[in-house]
C-alpha cells in the first residue's frame, strides 16, 4: 500500500441546505511532511466526528465516480473528507485493533468503519438515503486512532504490521450500525467493549442496544 495524499481542513461555517453548519469536512492536500499527534494531523480540525484520522482507498474515487455518473478528475484528494488517501487499502480485510504503519514512524490502529452523515450527501449531491448506501458499500474508508505519533508524507509506504483477527471486521460493524437486520444484544455489547472502537460507531450501536433492551423490558412488564 502507498500513501498518495495527506489532507487537512480547518473548521468553518458553511451554508448547507439552508442551514448554517460548523464543520471541518472540507479537506485539501498538503505538500511535504505532516506531523501526526495522538489527536490527529497537524493543521487539521475535528468538528463533529471525534475520530483522529479518516482514510479512504484511492481506488474508491473511481468506483463512486462511475456509480454516480461523475468525472473522477473533478474530485481532488480530500473530496470525501479524508485525511489520508491510500492506494491499495482493502477495508474488507480490516478488523478493529489492526495496526498499520505509515512511513517509518507512525502507527495507526483501526477504530471502525466510516459512518457518513448528511454533509457527504451534500458534497456528492445525493439524498440522505445515500448515507446507508455509502456506509454499507465496503468502499467508504475507515477511521483510525493514533498509536504512535510521528511524521508522514505522500509517498510513504503503508502496511499492516499487526492483525487483530479475533476482533470484528469493520464491514460487520457497519452492518450492525447501519443495517436493518436484527442483532443480538450480546453481540452489540461485545462490539461496544472493543478497545479503541470509533465513537461514531459506538453511538449508533449503543442506541441500538438500548432500544433492544428497553423493548425486552417492556415485554417483560407486559407479561407480568
Protein backbone atom coordinates (compact mmCIF):
# COMPACT_ATOMS: atom_id res chain seq x y z
CA UNK A 1 0.00 0.00 0.00
CA UNK A 2 1.08 3.58 -0.57
CA UNK A 3 0.06 6.91 0.93
CA UNK A 4 -0.73 9.07 -2.10
CA UNK A 5 -2.12 12.16 -0.35
CA UNK A 6 -2.29 13.82 3.06
CA UNK A 7 -5.24 16.18 3.53
CA UNK A 8 -6.24 18.61 6.27
CA UNK A 9 -9.01 21.13 6.84
CA UNK A 10 -10.00 23.78 9.35
CA UNK A 11 -13.38 24.30 10.98
CA UNK A 12 -15.55 26.74 9.06
CA UNK A 13 -19.17 27.80 8.80
CA UNK A 14 -20.89 26.66 5.64
CA UNK A 15 -24.38 27.14 4.27
CA UNK A 16 -25.67 23.62 3.65
CA UNK A 17 -29.28 23.03 2.65
CA UNK A 18 -30.38 26.38 4.03
CA UNK A 19 -28.67 25.74 7.37
CA UNK A 20 -25.55 27.24 8.88
CA UNK A 21 -23.28 24.30 9.65
CA UNK A 22 -19.99 24.35 11.56
CA UNK A 23 -17.80 21.67 10.02
CA UNK A 24 -14.25 20.63 9.21
CA UNK A 25 -15.46 18.33 6.42
CA UNK A 26 -13.70 20.17 3.59
CA UNK A 27 -10.12 18.90 3.24
CA UNK A 28 -7.32 19.76 0.83
CA UNK A 29 -3.98 18.05 0.10
CA UNK A 30 -0.82 19.45 1.68
CA UNK A 31 2.75 19.12 0.45
CA UNK A 32 5.70 17.85 2.42
CA UNK A 33 5.95 16.24 5.85
CA UNK A 34 2.97 16.45 8.22
CA UNK A 35 3.18 15.82 11.94
CA UNK A 36 0.72 13.31 13.39
CA UNK A 37 -0.04 13.60 17.11
CA UNK A 38 -2.28 11.49 19.32
CA UNK A 39 -5.22 13.69 18.30
CA UNK A 40 -4.63 13.56 14.56
CA UNK A 41 -2.88 15.55 11.86
CA UNK A 42 -1.25 18.91 12.50
CA UNK A 43 -3.29 21.66 10.83
CA UNK A 44 -6.46 19.55 10.81
CA UNK A 45 -9.57 20.26 12.90
CA UNK A 46 -12.20 17.84 14.15
CA UNK A 47 -15.64 19.43 14.43
CA UNK A 48 -18.24 16.67 14.91
CA UNK A 49 -16.62 13.30 14.23
CA UNK A 50 -14.13 12.76 17.02
CA UNK A 51 -12.01 10.05 15.38
CA UNK A 52 -8.39 11.09 14.93
CA UNK A 53 -7.78 10.00 11.33
CA UNK A 54 -10.01 9.07 8.40
CA UNK A 55 -8.53 7.18 5.44
CA UNK A 56 -10.02 6.01 2.17
CA UNK A 57 -8.70 3.91 -0.71
CA UNK A 58 -7.72 5.91 -3.77
CA UNK A 59 -9.49 3.25 -5.85
CA UNK A 60 -12.83 4.19 -4.30
CA UNK A 61 -12.75 7.50 -6.14
CA UNK A 62 -13.19 5.70 -9.45
CA UNK A 63 -15.89 3.44 -8.06
CA UNK A 64 -18.06 6.28 -6.79
CA UNK A 65 -17.49 8.42 -9.87
CA UNK A 66 -18.76 5.56 -12.02
CA UNK A 67 -21.69 4.82 -9.68
CA UNK A 68 -22.82 8.46 -9.61
CA UNK A 69 -22.06 9.34 -13.22
CA UNK A 70 -19.35 11.84 -12.36
CA UNK A 71 -15.90 12.63 -13.74
CA UNK A 72 -13.29 11.49 -11.23
CA UNK A 73 -11.00 14.25 -12.48
CA UNK A 74 -13.34 16.75 -10.78
CA UNK A 75 -12.62 15.21 -7.37
CA UNK A 76 -9.26 16.18 -5.84
CA UNK A 77 -7.92 14.10 -2.98
CA UNK A 78 -9.69 15.05 0.23
CA UNK A 79 -13.03 15.25 -1.56
CA UNK A 80 -14.57 12.60 0.70
CA UNK A 81 -13.30 14.42 3.78
CA UNK A 82 -10.42 12.02 4.29
CA UNK A 83 -7.09 12.80 5.90
CA UNK A 84 -5.24 10.00 4.13
CA UNK A 85 -5.77 8.75 0.59
CA UNK A 86 -4.14 5.31 0.39
CA UNK A 87 -3.59 3.29 -2.75
CA UNK A 88 -4.40 -0.37 -2.18
CA UNK A 89 -6.24 -0.02 1.14
CA UNK A 90 -8.58 -3.01 1.38
CA UNK A 91 -11.00 -2.25 4.17
CA UNK A 92 -12.78 -5.58 3.74
CA UNK A 93 -9.79 -7.17 5.47
CA UNK A 94 -9.56 -4.69 8.35
CA UNK A 95 -10.52 -5.53 11.94
CA UNK A 96 -10.89 -3.12 14.83
CA UNK A 97 -7.50 -3.17 16.51
CA UNK A 98 -5.37 -3.91 13.43
CA UNK A 99 -2.16 -1.84 13.43
CA UNK A 100 -0.92 -0.12 10.27
CA UNK A 101 2.42 1.59 9.84
CA UNK A 102 2.67 4.75 7.74
CA UNK A 103 6.24 5.59 6.82
CA UNK A 104 8.95 4.87 9.37
CA UNK A 105 7.36 6.37 12.47
CA UNK A 106 3.58 6.50 12.61
CA UNK A 107 1.41 3.63 13.78
CA UNK A 108 -2.37 3.76 13.35
CA UNK A 109 -4.92 1.35 14.83
CA UNK A 110 -8.21 0.61 13.10
CA UNK A 111 -11.12 2.16 15.04
CA UNK A 112 -14.10 1.38 12.83
CA UNK A 113 -15.90 1.98 9.53
CA UNK A 114 -16.69 5.39 8.12
CA UNK A 115 -20.17 6.34 9.28
CA UNK A 116 -21.20 9.09 6.85
CA UNK A 117 -23.54 11.98 7.54
CA UNK A 118 -25.64 14.45 5.55
CA UNK A 119 -22.54 16.52 4.68
CA UNK A 120 -21.28 13.71 2.45
CA UNK A 121 -24.67 13.62 0.71
CA UNK A 122 -24.44 17.38 0.21
CA UNK A 123 -20.92 17.06 -1.15
CA UNK A 124 -21.98 14.39 -3.65
CA UNK A 125 -25.38 15.95 -4.38
CA UNK A 126 -27.22 12.87 -3.15
CA UNK A 127 -30.33 12.42 -0.96
CA UNK A 128 -29.85 11.46 2.67
CA UNK A 129 -30.78 7.87 1.81
CA UNK A 130 -27.29 7.68 0.31
CA UNK A 131 -25.86 7.58 3.84
CA UNK A 132 -26.77 3.92 4.23
CA UNK A 133 -25.70 3.01 0.69
CA UNK A 134 -22.27 4.56 1.19
CA UNK A 135 -21.79 3.20 4.71
CA UNK A 136 -22.70 -0.37 3.73
CA UNK A 137 -20.82 -0.38 0.42
CA UNK A 138 -17.49 -1.65 1.73
CA UNK A 139 -15.98 1.31 -0.12
CA UNK A 140 -16.35 4.05 2.46
CA UNK A 141 -12.96 4.00 4.18
CA UNK A 142 -12.07 3.60 7.84
CA UNK A 143 -11.38 5.58 10.99
CA UNK A 144 -8.09 5.19 12.85
CA UNK A 145 -6.62 6.00 16.23
CA UNK A 146 -3.02 7.18 16.52
CA UNK A 147 -0.99 4.60 18.42
CA UNK A 148 2.40 6.14 17.75
CA UNK A 149 2.87 9.76 16.66
CA UNK A 150 5.40 10.87 14.11
CA UNK A 151 5.73 12.42 10.68
CA UNK A 152 4.23 11.26 7.40
CA UNK A 153 4.13 12.49 3.83
CA UNK A 154 2.73 11.47 0.47
CA UNK A 155 4.70 8.60 -0.99
CA UNK A 156 5.19 6.79 2.31
CA UNK A 157 4.62 3.03 2.32
CA UNK A 158 1.66 1.71 4.32
CA UNK A 159 1.46 -1.82 5.66
CA UNK A 160 -0.38 -3.90 8.21
CA UNK A 161 2.05 -4.79 10.99
CA UNK A 162 -0.37 -6.47 13.41
CA UNK A 163 -3.75 -8.13 12.79
CA UNK A 164 -6.49 -8.43 15.39
CA UNK A 165 -8.08 -11.47 13.78
CA UNK A 166 -10.13 -12.26 16.86
CA UNK A 167 -11.86 -8.87 16.63
CA UNK A 168 -14.73 -7.73 14.37
CA UNK A 169 -14.24 -6.71 10.76
CA UNK A 170 -15.20 -3.10 10.18
CA UNK A 171 -17.65 -4.17 7.45
CA UNK A 172 -19.51 -6.26 10.01
CA UNK A 173 -19.66 -3.30 12.39
CA UNK A 174 -21.06 -1.13 9.57
CA UNK A 175 -23.79 -3.70 9.01
CA UNK A 176 -24.63 -3.72 12.72
CA UNK A 177 -24.70 0.09 12.87
CA UNK A 178 -26.50 0.90 9.60
CA UNK A 179 -28.22 -2.32 8.55
CA UNK A 180 -31.81 -3.33 9.15
CA UNK A 181 -31.24 -6.94 10.25
CA UNK A 182 -31.70 -7.60 13.99
CA UNK A 183 -28.50 -8.01 16.01
CA UNK A 184 -28.21 -9.99 19.24
CA UNK A 185 -27.77 -7.61 22.22
CA UNK A 186 -24.87 -9.74 23.50
CA UNK A 187 -23.06 -9.25 20.19
CA UNK A 188 -23.65 -5.49 20.32
CA UNK A 189 -22.27 -5.43 23.86
CA UNK A 190 -19.15 -7.31 22.71
CA UNK A 191 -18.54 -4.81 19.93
CA UNK A 192 -19.03 -1.89 22.29
CA UNK A 193 -16.38 -3.34 24.58
CA UNK A 194 -13.72 -3.38 21.84
CA UNK A 195 -10.72 -1.23 22.89
CA UNK A 196 -10.34 1.79 20.65
CA UNK A 197 -13.73 1.45 18.95
CA UNK A 198 -14.71 4.55 16.98
CA UNK A 199 -17.05 6.77 18.98
CA UNK A 200 -19.04 7.38 15.81
CA UNK A 201 -19.83 3.67 15.51
CA UNK A 202 -20.28 3.32 19.25
CA UNK A 203 -23.00 5.98 19.31
CA UNK A 204 -25.18 4.15 16.78
CA UNK A 205 -24.51 0.72 18.28
CA UNK A 206 -25.28 1.94 21.79
CA UNK A 207 -28.58 3.42 20.63
CA UNK A 208 -29.49 0.09 19.03
CA UNK A 209 -28.55 -1.83 22.15
CA UNK A 210 -30.56 0.44 24.46
CA UNK A 211 -33.55 0.23 22.14
CA UNK A 212 -33.43 -3.58 22.22
CA UNK A 213 -33.03 -3.72 25.99
CA UNK A 214 -35.89 -1.28 26.51
CA UNK A 215 -38.08 -3.36 24.21
CA UNK A 216 -37.25 -6.55 26.11
CA UNK A 217 -38.03 -4.91 29.45
CA UNK A 218 -41.30 -3.58 28.12
CA UNK A 219 -42.33 -7.08 27.02
CA UNK A 220 -41.39 -8.49 30.42
CA UNK A 221 -43.52 -5.93 32.24
CA UNK A 222 -46.46 -6.65 29.94
CA UNK A 223 -46.15 -10.36 30.69
CA UNK A 224 -46.15 -9.70 34.43
